[in-house]
Amino acid sequence: KANIVASIDSVEVSNITQEYDAIMPANLDFPMPVRITMDLKKLYQQDGLMAISKGLKIMSQRKLDVHFKGSIKVGKGSMKVSAPIDKVETVKF
């Protein structure tokens, strides 16, 4: 189960709460697919100039850095462990 907040430039744009089955090998990294819908309007609600700046940056660089912070709860049966998530991923357009 994932409970993660996605933010861009310290502005929260999405809350991700997902539950799914995944294969997690012991002592190895594993991919964690995340479905996200971002409300990019939140980026400029408090500052209209930020909309222009962010729009130009997205158009010129064709990417956006998204900070994911929260936790995932993993386990099998009644054995569950919570693991923190604090990762920045670049979303390319």
PDB file of N, CA and C in Angstrom:
ATOM      1  N   LYS A   1       0.853  -1.175   0.000  1.00  0.00           N
ATOM      2  CA  LYS A   1       0.000   0.000   0.000  1.00  0.00           C
ATOM      3  C   LYS A   1       0.895   1.233   0.000  1.00  0.00           C
ATOM      4  N   ALA A   2       0.630   2.169  -0.886  1.00  0.00           N
ATOM      5  CA  ALA A   2       1.415   3.397  -0.992  1.00  0.00           C
ATOM      6  C   ALA A   2       0.590   4.581  -0.498  1.00  0.00           C
ATOM      7  N   ASN A   3       1.232   5.450   0.247  1.00  0.00           N
ATOM      8  CA  ASN A   3       0.621   6.694   0.717  1.00  0.00           C
ATOM      9  C   ASN A   3       1.678   7.777   0.515  1.00  0.00           C
ATOM     10  N   ILE A   4       1.611   8.463  -0.625  1.00  0.00           N
ATOM     11  CA  ILE A   4       2.684   9.359  -1.051  1.00  0.00           C
ATOM     12  C   ILE A   4       2.103  10.699  -1.487  1.00  0.00           C
ATOM     13  N   VAL A   5       2.829  11.771  -1.188  1.00  0.00           N
ATOM     14  CA  VAL A   5       2.481  13.111  -1.654  1.00  0.00           C
ATOM     15  C   VAL A   5       3.480  13.490  -2.741  1.00  0.00           C
ATOM     16  N   ALA A   6       2.970  13.978  -3.869  1.00  0.00           N
ATOM     17  CA  ALA A   6       3.824  14.457  -4.950  1.00  0.00           C
ATOM     18  C   ALA A   6       3.817  15.978  -4.928  1.00  0.00           C
ATOM     19  N   SER A   7       5.014  16.570  -5.005  1.00  0.00           N
ATOM     20  CA  SER A   7       5.100  18.029  -5.005  1.00  0.00           C
ATOM     21  C   SER A   7       6.107  18.498  -6.052  1.00  0.00           C
ATOM     22  N   ILE A   8       5.865  19.707  -6.531  1.00  0.00           N
ATOM     23  CA  ILE A   8       6.743  20.362  -7.486  1.00  0.00           C
ATOM     24  C   ILE A   8       7.063  21.728  -6.911  1.00  0.00           C
ATOM     25  N   ASP A   9       8.338  22.022  -6.763  1.00  0.00           N
ATOM     26  CA  ASP A   9       8.769  23.294  -6.164  1.00  0.00           C
ATOM     27  C   ASP A   9       8.067  23.546  -4.834  1.00  0.00           C
ATOM     28  N   SER A  10       7.991  22.527  -3.995  1.00  0.00           N
ATOM     29  CA  SER A  10       7.377  22.578  -2.657  1.00  0.00           C
ATOM     30  C   SER A  10       5.869  22.821  -2.673  1.00  0.00           C
ATOM     31  N   VAL A  11       5.223  22.666  -3.813  1.00  0.00           N
ATOM     32  CA  VAL A  11       3.772  22.809  -3.916  1.00  0.00           C
ATOM     33  C   VAL A  11       3.173  21.419  -4.118  1.00  0.00           C
ATOM     34  N   GLU A  12       2.275  21.009  -3.215  1.00  0.00           N
ATOM     35  CA  GLU A  12       1.644  19.699  -3.302  1.00  0.00           C
ATOM     36  C   GLU A  12       0.693  19.666  -4.492  1.00  0.00           C
ATOM     37  N   VAL A  13       0.938  18.735  -5.426  1.00  0.00           N
ATOM     38  CA  VAL A  13       0.105  18.647  -6.623  1.00  0.00           C
ATOM     39  C   VAL A  13      -0.704  17.356  -6.699  1.00  0.00           C
ATOM     40  N   SER A  14      -0.408  16.392  -5.805  1.00  0.00           N
ATOM     41  CA  SER A  14      -1.147  15.137  -5.841  1.00  0.00           C
ATOM     42  C   SER A  14      -0.941  14.342  -4.557  1.00  0.00           C
ATOM     43  N   ASN A  15      -1.992  13.640  -4.142  1.00  0.00           N
ATOM     44  CA  ASN A  15      -1.907  12.645  -3.074  1.00  0.00           C
ATOM     45  C   ASN A  15      -2.105  11.285  -3.714  1.00  0.00           C
ATOM     46  N   ILE A  16      -1.179  10.387  -3.490  1.00  0.00           N
ATOM     47  CA  ILE A  16      -1.236   9.066  -4.100  1.00  0.00           C
ATOM     48  C   ILE A  16      -1.516   8.042  -3.011  1.00  0.00           C
ATOM     49  N   THR A  17      -2.640   7.374  -3.117  1.00  0.00           N
ATOM     50  CA  THR A  17      -2.982   6.282  -2.207  1.00  0.00           C
ATOM     51  C   THR A  17      -3.337   5.096  -3.086  1.00  0.00           C
ATOM     52  N   GLN A  18      -2.475   4.099  -3.094  1.00  0.00           N
ATOM     53  CA  GLN A  18      -2.668   2.948  -3.955  1.00  0.00           C
ATOM     54  C   GLN A  18      -2.431   1.661  -3.180  1.00  0.00           C
ATOM     55  N   GLU A  19      -3.090   0.620  -3.612  1.00  0.00           N
ATOM     56  CA  GLU A  19      -2.867  -0.704  -3.063  1.00  0.00           C
ATOM     57  C   GLU A  19      -2.731  -1.668  -4.235  1.00  0.00           C
ATOM     58  N   TYR A  20      -1.677  -2.478  -4.248  1.00  0.00           N
ATOM     59  CA  TYR A  20      -1.483  -3.426  -5.339  1.00  0.00           C
ATOM     60  C   TYR A  20      -0.499  -4.501  -4.916  1.00  0.00           C
ATOM     61  N   ASP A  21      -0.500  -5.586  -5.655  1.00  0.00           N
ATOM     62  CA  ASP A  21       0.447  -6.674  -5.419  1.00  0.00           C
ATOM     63  C   ASP A  21       1.696  -6.422  -6.251  1.00  0.00           C
ATOM     64  N   ALA A  22       2.856  -6.735  -5.664  1.00  0.00           N
ATOM     65  CA  ALA A  22       4.116  -6.559  -6.372  1.00  0.00           C
ATOM     66  C   ALA A  22       5.103  -7.624  -5.906  1.00  0.00           C
ATOM     67  N   ILE A  23       6.062  -7.944  -6.762  1.00  0.00           N
ATOM     68  CA  ILE A  23       7.132  -8.869  -6.392  1.00  0.00           C
ATOM     69  C   ILE A  23       8.302  -8.038  -5.896  1.00  0.00           C
ATOM     70  N   MET A  24       8.747  -8.319  -4.670  1.00  0.00           N
ATOM     71  CA  MET A  24       9.834  -7.564  -4.064  1.00  0.00           C
ATOM     72  C   MET A  24      10.930  -8.527  -3.612  1.00  0.00           C
ATOM     73  N   PRO A  25      12.005  -8.662  -4.403  1.00  0.00           N
ATOM     74  CA  PRO A  25      13.086  -9.570  -4.021  1.00  0.00           C
ATOM     75  C   PRO A  25      13.824  -9.048  -2.782  1.00  0.00           C
ATOM     76  N   ALA A  26      14.260  -9.962  -1.932  1.00  0.00           N
ATOM     77  CA  ALA A  26      14.965  -9.585  -0.701  1.00  0.00           C
ATOM     78  C   ALA A  26      16.286  -8.888  -1.019  1.00  0.00           C
ATOM     79  N   ASN A  27      16.574  -7.826  -0.297  1.00  0.00           N
ATOM     80  CA  ASN A  27      17.833  -7.081  -0.378  1.00  0.00           C
ATOM     81  C   ASN A  27      18.160  -6.535  -1.766  1.00  0.00           C
ATOM     82  N   LEU A  28      17.155  -6.280  -2.569  1.00  0.00           N
ATOM     83  CA  LEU A  28      17.367  -5.706  -3.900  1.00  0.00           C
ATOM     84  C   LEU A  28      16.402  -4.553  -4.125  1.00  0.00           C
ATOM     85  N   ASP A  29      16.792  -3.631  -5.004  1.00  0.00           N
ATOM     86  CA  ASP A  29      15.868  -2.580  -5.420  1.00  0.00           C
ATOM     87  C   ASP A  29      14.801  -3.205  -6.309  1.00  0.00           C
ATOM     88  N   PHE A  30      13.617  -2.599  -6.302  1.00  0.00           N
ATOM     89  CA  PHE A  30      12.540  -3.088  -7.162  1.00  0.00           C
ATOM     90  C   PHE A  30      11.731  -1.904  -7.644  1.00  0.00           C
ATOM     91  N   PRO A  31      11.177  -2.009  -8.856  1.00  0.00           N
ATOM     92  CA  PRO A  31      10.343  -0.910  -9.372  1.00  0.00           C
ATOM     93  C   PRO A  31       8.999  -0.898  -8.657  1.00  0.00           C
ATOM     94  N   MET A  32       8.471   0.298  -8.455  1.00  0.00           N
ATOM     95  CA  MET A  32       7.159   0.449  -7.851  1.00  0.00           C
ATOM     96  C   MET A  32       6.322   1.327  -8.770  1.00  0.00           C
ATOM     97  N   PRO A  33       5.442   0.715  -9.551  1.00  0.00           N
ATOM     98  CA  PRO A  33       4.621   1.520 -10.461  1.00  0.00           C
ATOM     99  C   PRO A  33       3.659   2.407  -9.674  1.00  0.00           C
ATOM    100  N   VAL A  34       3.555   3.653 -10.094  1.00  0.00           N
ATOM    101  CA  VAL A  34       2.675   4.610  -9.416  1.00  0.00           C
ATOM    102  C   VAL A  34       1.809   5.290 -10.459  1.00  0.00           C
ATOM    103  N   ARG A  35       0.519   5.315 -10.218  1.00  0.00           N
ATOM    104  CA  ARG A  35      -0.406   6.048 -11.090  1.00  0.00           C
ATOM    105  C   ARG A  35      -0.655   7.398 -10.420  1.00  0.00           C
ATOM    106  N   ILE A  36      -0.428   8.463 -11.169  1.00  0.00           N
ATOM    107  CA  ILE A  36      -0.542   9.799 -10.575  1.00  0.00           C
ATOM    108  C   ILE A  36      -1.309  10.726 -11.508  1.00  0.00           C
ATOM    109  N   THR A  37      -2.181  11.523 -10.918  1.00  0.00           N
ATOM    110  CA  THR A  37      -2.859  12.605 -11.617  1.00  0.00           C
ATOM    111  C   THR A  37      -2.484  13.880 -10.886  1.00  0.00           C
ATOM    112  N   MET A  38      -1.821  14.791 -11.585  1.00  0.00           N
ATOM    113  CA  MET A  38      -1.344  16.020 -10.946  1.00  0.00           C
ATOM    114  C   MET A  38      -2.221  17.197 -11.317  1.00  0.00           C
ATOM    115  N   ASP A  39      -2.509  18.040 -10.343  1.00  0.00           N
ATOM    116  CA  ASP A  39      -3.249  19.275 -10.567  1.00  0.00           C
ATOM    117  C   ASP A  39      -2.228  20.404 -10.682  1.00  0.00           C
ATOM    118  N   LEU A  40      -1.742  20.642 -11.903  1.00  0.00           N
ATOM    119  CA  LEU A  40      -0.678  21.629 -12.113  1.00  0.00           C
ATOM    120  C   LEU A  40      -1.142  23.063 -11.880  1.00  0.00           C
ATOM    121  N   LYS A  41      -2.466  23.294 -11.835  1.00  0.00           N
ATOM    122  CA  LYS A  41      -2.966  24.639 -11.543  1.00  0.00           C
ATOM    123  C   LYS A  41      -2.524  25.102 -10.159  1.00  0.00           C
ATOM    124  N   LYS A  42      -2.302  24.164  -9.258  1.00  0.00           N
ATOM    125  CA  LYS A  42      -1.872  24.514  -7.900  1.00  0.00           C
ATOM    126  C   LYS A  42      -0.506  25.203  -7.896  1.00  0.00           C
ATOM    127  N   LEU A  43       0.280  24.992  -8.952  1.00  0.00           N
ATOM    128  CA  LEU A  43       1.614  25.595  -9.018  1.00  0.00           C
ATOM    129  C   LEU A  43       1.571  27.114  -9.073  1.00  0.00           C
ATOM    130  N   TYR A  44       0.521  27.653  -9.650  1.00  0.00           N
ATOM    131  CA  TYR A  44       0.484  29.108  -9.815  1.00  0.00           C
ATOM    132  C   TYR A  44      -0.725  29.769  -9.167  1.00  0.00           C
ATOM    133  N   GLN A  45      -1.480  29.057  -8.341  1.00  0.00           N
ATOM    134  CA  GLN A  45      -2.649  29.668  -7.699  1.00  0.00           C
ATOM    135  C   GLN A  45      -2.268  30.847  -6.816  1.00  0.00           C
ATOM    136  N   GLN A  46      -1.128  30.778  -6.139  1.00  0.00           N
ATOM    137  CA  GLN A  46      -0.734  31.859  -5.242  1.00  0.00           C
ATOM    138  C   GLN A  46       0.135  32.902  -5.930  1.00  0.00           C
ATOM    139  N   ASP A  47       0.702  32.559  -7.087  1.00  0.00           N
ATOM    140  CA  ASP A  47       1.596  33.483  -7.771  1.00  0.00           C
ATOM    141  C   ASP A  47       1.449  33.299  -9.283  1.00  0.00           C
ATOM    142  N   GLY A  48       0.760  34.233  -9.937  1.00  0.00           N
ATOM    143  CA  GLY A  48       0.514  34.153 -11.372  1.00  0.00           C
ATOM    144  C   GLY A  48       1.780  34.184 -12.206  1.00  0.00           C
ATOM    145  N   LEU A  49       2.813  34.903 -11.743  1.00  0.00           N
ATOM    146  CA  LEU A  49       4.078  34.950 -12.486  1.00  0.00           C
ATOM    147  C   LEU A  49       4.751  33.588 -12.508  1.00  0.00           C
ATOM    148  N   MET A  50       4.499  32.794 -11.476  1.00  0.00           N
ATOM    149  CA  MET A  50       5.083  31.465 -11.429  1.00  0.00           C
ATOM    150  C   MET A  50       4.553  30.608 -12.584  1.00  0.00           C
ATOM    151  N   ALA A  51       3.324  30.858 -13.004  1.00  0.00           N
ATOM    152  CA  ALA A  51       2.734  30.103 -14.120  1.00  0.00           C
ATOM    153  C   ALA A  51       3.531  30.341 -15.397  1.00  0.00           C
ATOM    154  N   ILE A  52       3.875  31.577 -15.640  1.00  0.00           N
ATOM    155  CA  ILE A  52       4.646  31.908 -16.841  1.00  0.00           C
ATOM    156  C   ILE A  52       6.031  31.276 -16.766  1.00  0.00           C
ATOM    157  N   SER A  53       6.686  31.420 -15.627  1.00  0.00           N
ATOM    158  CA  SER A  53       8.021  30.865 -15.437  1.00  0.00           C
ATOM    159  C   SER A  53       8.018  29.350 -15.578  1.00  0.00           C
ATOM    160  N   LYS A  54       7.077  28.693 -14.898  1.00  0.00           N
ATOM    161  CA  LYS A  54       7.010  27.223 -14.938  1.00  0.00           C
ATOM    162  C   LYS A  54       6.636  26.758 -16.344  1.00  0.00           C
ATOM    163  N   GLY A  55       5.724  27.447 -17.007  1.00  0.00           N
ATOM    164  CA  GLY A  55       5.324  27.076 -18.362  1.00  0.00           C
ATOM    165  C   GLY A  55       6.485  27.165 -19.339  1.00  0.00           C
ATOM    166  N   LEU A  56       7.269  28.237 -19.245  1.00  0.00           N
ATOM    167  CA  LEU A  56       8.432  28.391 -20.119  1.00  0.00           C
ATOM    168  C   LEU A  56       9.478  27.313 -19.839  1.00  0.00           C
ATOM    169  N   LYS A  57       9.658  26.997 -18.569  1.00  0.00           N
ATOM    170  CA  LYS A  57      10.636  25.967 -18.205  1.00  0.00           C
ATOM    171  C   LYS A  57      10.217  24.606 -18.761  1.00  0.00           C
ATOM    172  N   ILE A  58       8.937  24.278 -18.627  1.00  0.00           N
ATOM    173  CA  ILE A  58       8.438  22.989 -19.135  1.00  0.00           C
ATOM    174  C   ILE A  58       8.578  22.936 -20.653  1.00  0.00           C
ATOM    175  N   MET A  59       8.225  24.035 -21.337  1.00  0.00           N
ATOM    176  CA  MET A  59       8.286  24.050 -22.801  1.00  0.00           C
ATOM    177  C   MET A  59       9.719  23.979 -23.307  1.00  0.00           C
ATOM    178  N   SER A  60      10.654  24.648 -22.634  1.00  0.00           N
ATOM    179  CA  SER A  60      12.032  24.656 -23.128  1.00  0.00           C
ATOM    180  C   SER A  60      12.795  23.396 -22.736  1.00  0.00           C
ATOM    181  N   GLN A  61      12.618  22.921 -21.505  1.00  0.00           N
ATOM    182  CA  GLN A  61      13.377  21.758 -21.047  1.00  0.00           C
ATOM    183  C   GLN A  61      12.647  20.435 -21.279  1.00  0.00           C
ATOM    184  N   ARG A  62      11.337  20.509 -21.502  1.00  0.00           N
ATOM    185  CA  ARG A  62      10.500  19.328 -21.745  1.00  0.00           C
ATOM    186  C   ARG A  62      10.602  18.301 -20.621  1.00  0.00           C
ATOM    187  N   LYS A  63      10.721  18.816 -19.380  1.00  0.00           N
ATOM    188  CA  LYS A  63      10.762  17.936 -18.216  1.00  0.00           C
ATOM    189  C   LYS A  63      10.342  18.701 -16.973  1.00  0.00           C
ATOM    190  N   LEU A  64      10.053  17.948 -15.931  1.00  0.00           N
ATOM    191  CA  LEU A  64       9.599  18.528 -14.675  1.00  0.00           C
ATOM    192  C   LEU A  64      10.061  17.614 -13.548  1.00  0.00           C
ATOM    193  N   ASP A  65      10.680  18.167 -12.511  1.00  0.00           N
ATOM    194  CA  ASP A  65      11.116  17.378 -11.363  1.00  0.00           C
ATOM    195  C   ASP A  65       9.982  17.284 -10.352  1.00  0.00           C
ATOM    196  N   VAL A  66       9.622  16.053  -9.995  1.00  0.00           N
ATOM    197  CA  VAL A  66       8.535  15.796  -9.054  1.00  0.00           C
ATOM    198  C   VAL A  66       9.122  15.112  -7.823  1.00  0.00           C
ATOM    199  N   HIS A  67       8.836  15.658  -6.639  1.00  0.00           N
ATOM    200  CA  HIS A  67       9.324  15.104  -5.381  1.00  0.00           C
ATOM    201  C   HIS A  67       8.228  14.229  -4.776  1.00  0.00           C
ATOM    202  N   PHE A  68       8.543  12.965  -4.565  1.00  0.00           N
ATOM    203  CA  PHE A  68       7.615  12.016  -3.955  1.00  0.00           C
ATOM    204  C   PHE A  68       8.048  11.780  -2.515  1.00  0.00           C
ATOM    205  N   LYS A  69       7.128  11.990  -1.574  1.00  0.00           N
ATOM    206  CA  LYS A  69       7.460  11.797  -0.160  1.00  0.00           C
ATOM    207  C   LYS A  69       6.277  11.129   0.533  1.00  0.00           C
ATOM    208  N   GLY A  70       6.563  10.131   1.331  1.00  0.00           N
ATOM    209  CA  GLY A  70       5.523   9.412   2.046  1.00  0.00           C
ATOM    210  C   GLY A  70       6.036   8.077   2.512  1.00  0.00           C
ATOM    211  N   SER A  71       5.190   7.061   2.374  1.00  0.00           N
ATOM    212  CA  SER A  71       5.605   5.723   2.805  1.00  0.00           C
ATOM    213  C   SER A  71       4.857   4.659   2.025  1.00  0.00           C
ATOM    214  N   ILE A  72       5.454   3.477   2.016  1.00  0.00           N
ATOM    215  CA  ILE A  72       4.766   2.308   1.497  1.00  0.00           C
ATOM    216  C   ILE A  72       4.756   1.266   2.598  1.00  0.00           C
ATOM    217  N   LYS A  73       3.689   0.517   2.650  1.00  0.00           N
ATOM    218  CA  LYS A  73       3.576  -0.565   3.617  1.00  0.00           C
ATOM    219  C   LYS A  73       3.648  -1.856   2.816  1.00  0.00           C
ATOM    220  N   VAL A  74       4.653  -2.679   3.142  1.00  0.00           N
ATOM    221  CA  VAL A  74       4.860  -3.922   2.403  1.00  0.00           C
ATOM    222  C   VAL A  74       4.777  -5.107   3.353  1.00  0.00           C
ATOM    223  N   GLY A  75       4.430  -6.243   2.818  1.00  0.00           N
ATOM    224  CA  GLY A  75       4.388  -7.439   3.632  1.00  0.00           C
ATOM    225  C   GLY A  75       3.563  -8.531   3.004  1.00  0.00           C
ATOM    226  N   LYS A  76       3.449  -9.602   3.760  1.00  0.00           N
ATOM    227  CA  LYS A  76       2.663 -10.740   3.309  1.00  0.00           C
ATOM    228  C   LYS A  76       1.836 -11.217   4.489  1.00  0.00           C
ATOM    229  N   GLY A  77       0.550 -11.374   4.255  1.00  0.00           N
ATOM    230  CA  GLY A  77      -0.327 -11.801   5.339  1.00  0.00           C
ATOM    231  C   GLY A  77      -0.410 -10.740   6.421  1.00  0.00           C
ATOM    232  N   SER A  78      -0.198 -11.141   7.654  1.00  0.00           N
ATOM    233  CA  SER A  78      -0.271 -10.186   8.760  1.00  0.00           C
ATOM    234  C   SER A  78       1.069  -9.510   9.049  1.00  0.00           C
ATOM    235  N   MET A  79       2.150  -9.929   8.387  1.00  0.00           N
ATOM    236  CA  MET A  79       3.469  -9.315   8.568  1.00  0.00           C
ATOM    237  C   MET A  79       3.609  -8.123   7.617  1.00  0.00           C
ATOM    238  N   LYS A  80       3.604  -6.920   8.162  1.00  0.00           N
ATOM    239  CA  LYS A  80       3.713  -5.717   7.341  1.00  0.00           C
ATOM    240  C   LYS A  80       4.775  -4.781   7.931  1.00  0.00           C
ATOM    241  N   VAL A  81       5.523  -4.142   7.051  1.00  0.00           N
ATOM    242  CA  VAL A  81       6.572  -3.210   7.434  1.00  0.00           C
ATOM    243  C   VAL A  81       6.377  -1.932   6.638  1.00  0.00           C
ATOM    244  N   SER A  82       6.534  -0.784   7.283  1.00  0.00           N
ATOM    245  CA  SER A  82       6.421   0.494   6.604  1.00  0.00           C
ATOM    246  C   SER A  82       7.817   0.968   6.190  1.00  0.00           C
ATOM    247  N   ALA A  83       7.937   1.435   4.943  1.00  0.00           N
ATOM    248  CA  ALA A  83       9.208   1.936   4.423  1.00  0.00           C
ATOM    249  C   ALA A  83       9.013   3.364   3.931  1.00  0.00           C
ATOM    250  N   PRO A  84       9.928   4.276   4.324  1.00  0.00           N
ATOM    251  CA  PRO A  84       9.783   5.668   3.888  1.00  0.00           C
ATOM    252  C   PRO A  84      10.147   5.853   2.413  1.00  0.00           C
ATOM    253  N   ILE A  85       9.490   6.821   1.781  1.00  0.00           N
ATOM    254  CA  ILE A  85       9.774   7.206   0.389  1.00  0.00           C
ATOM    255  C   ILE A  85      10.141   8.679   0.404  1.00  0.00           C
ATOM    256  N   ASP A  86      11.272   9.024  -0.179  1.00  0.00           N
ATOM    257  CA  ASP A  86      11.708  10.408  -0.317  1.00  0.00           C
ATOM    258  C   ASP A  86      12.594  10.451  -1.559  1.00  0.00           C
ATOM    259  N   LYS A  87      11.969  10.696  -2.720  1.00  0.00           N
ATOM    260  CA  LYS A  87      12.665  10.549  -4.001  1.00  0.00           C
ATOM    261  C   LYS A  87      12.212  11.627  -4.974  1.00  0.00           C
ATOM    262  N   VAL A  88      13.151  12.133  -5.736  1.00  0.00           N
ATOM    263  CA  VAL A  88      12.844  13.087  -6.801  1.00  0.00           C
ATOM    264  C   VAL A  88      12.981  12.364  -8.134  1.00  0.00           C
ATOM    265  N   GLU A  89      11.940  12.424  -8.943  1.00  0.00           N
ATOM    266  CA  GLU A  89      11.938  11.808 -10.273  1.00  0.00           C
ATOM    267  C   GLU A  89      11.704  12.901 -11.310  1.00  0.00           C
ATOM    268  N   THR A  90      12.359  12.773 -12.447  1.00  0.00           N
ATOM    269  CA  THR A  90      12.156  13.701 -13.542  1.00  0.00           C
ATOM    270  C   THR A  90      11.129  13.130 -14.499  1.00  0.00           C
ATOM    271  N   VAL A  91      10.037  13.887 -14.721  1.00  0.00           N
ATOM    272  CA  VAL A  91       8.989  13.501 -15.649  1.00  0.00           C
ATOM    273  C   VAL A  91       9.287  14.210 -16.963  1.00  0.00           C
ATOM    274  N   LYS A  92       9.470  13.433 -18.034  1.00  0.00           N
ATOM    275  CA  LYS A  92       9.790  14.007 -19.335  1.00  0.00           C
ATOM    276  C   LYS A  92       8.545  14.085 -20.206  1.00  0.00           C
ATOM    277  N   PHE A  93       8.439  15.153 -20.989  1.00  0.00           N
ATOM    278  CA  PHE A  93       7.300  15.376 -21.877  1.00  0.00           C
ATOM    279  C   PHE A  93       7.712  15.193 -23.316  1.00  0.00           C
TER     280      PHE A  93
END
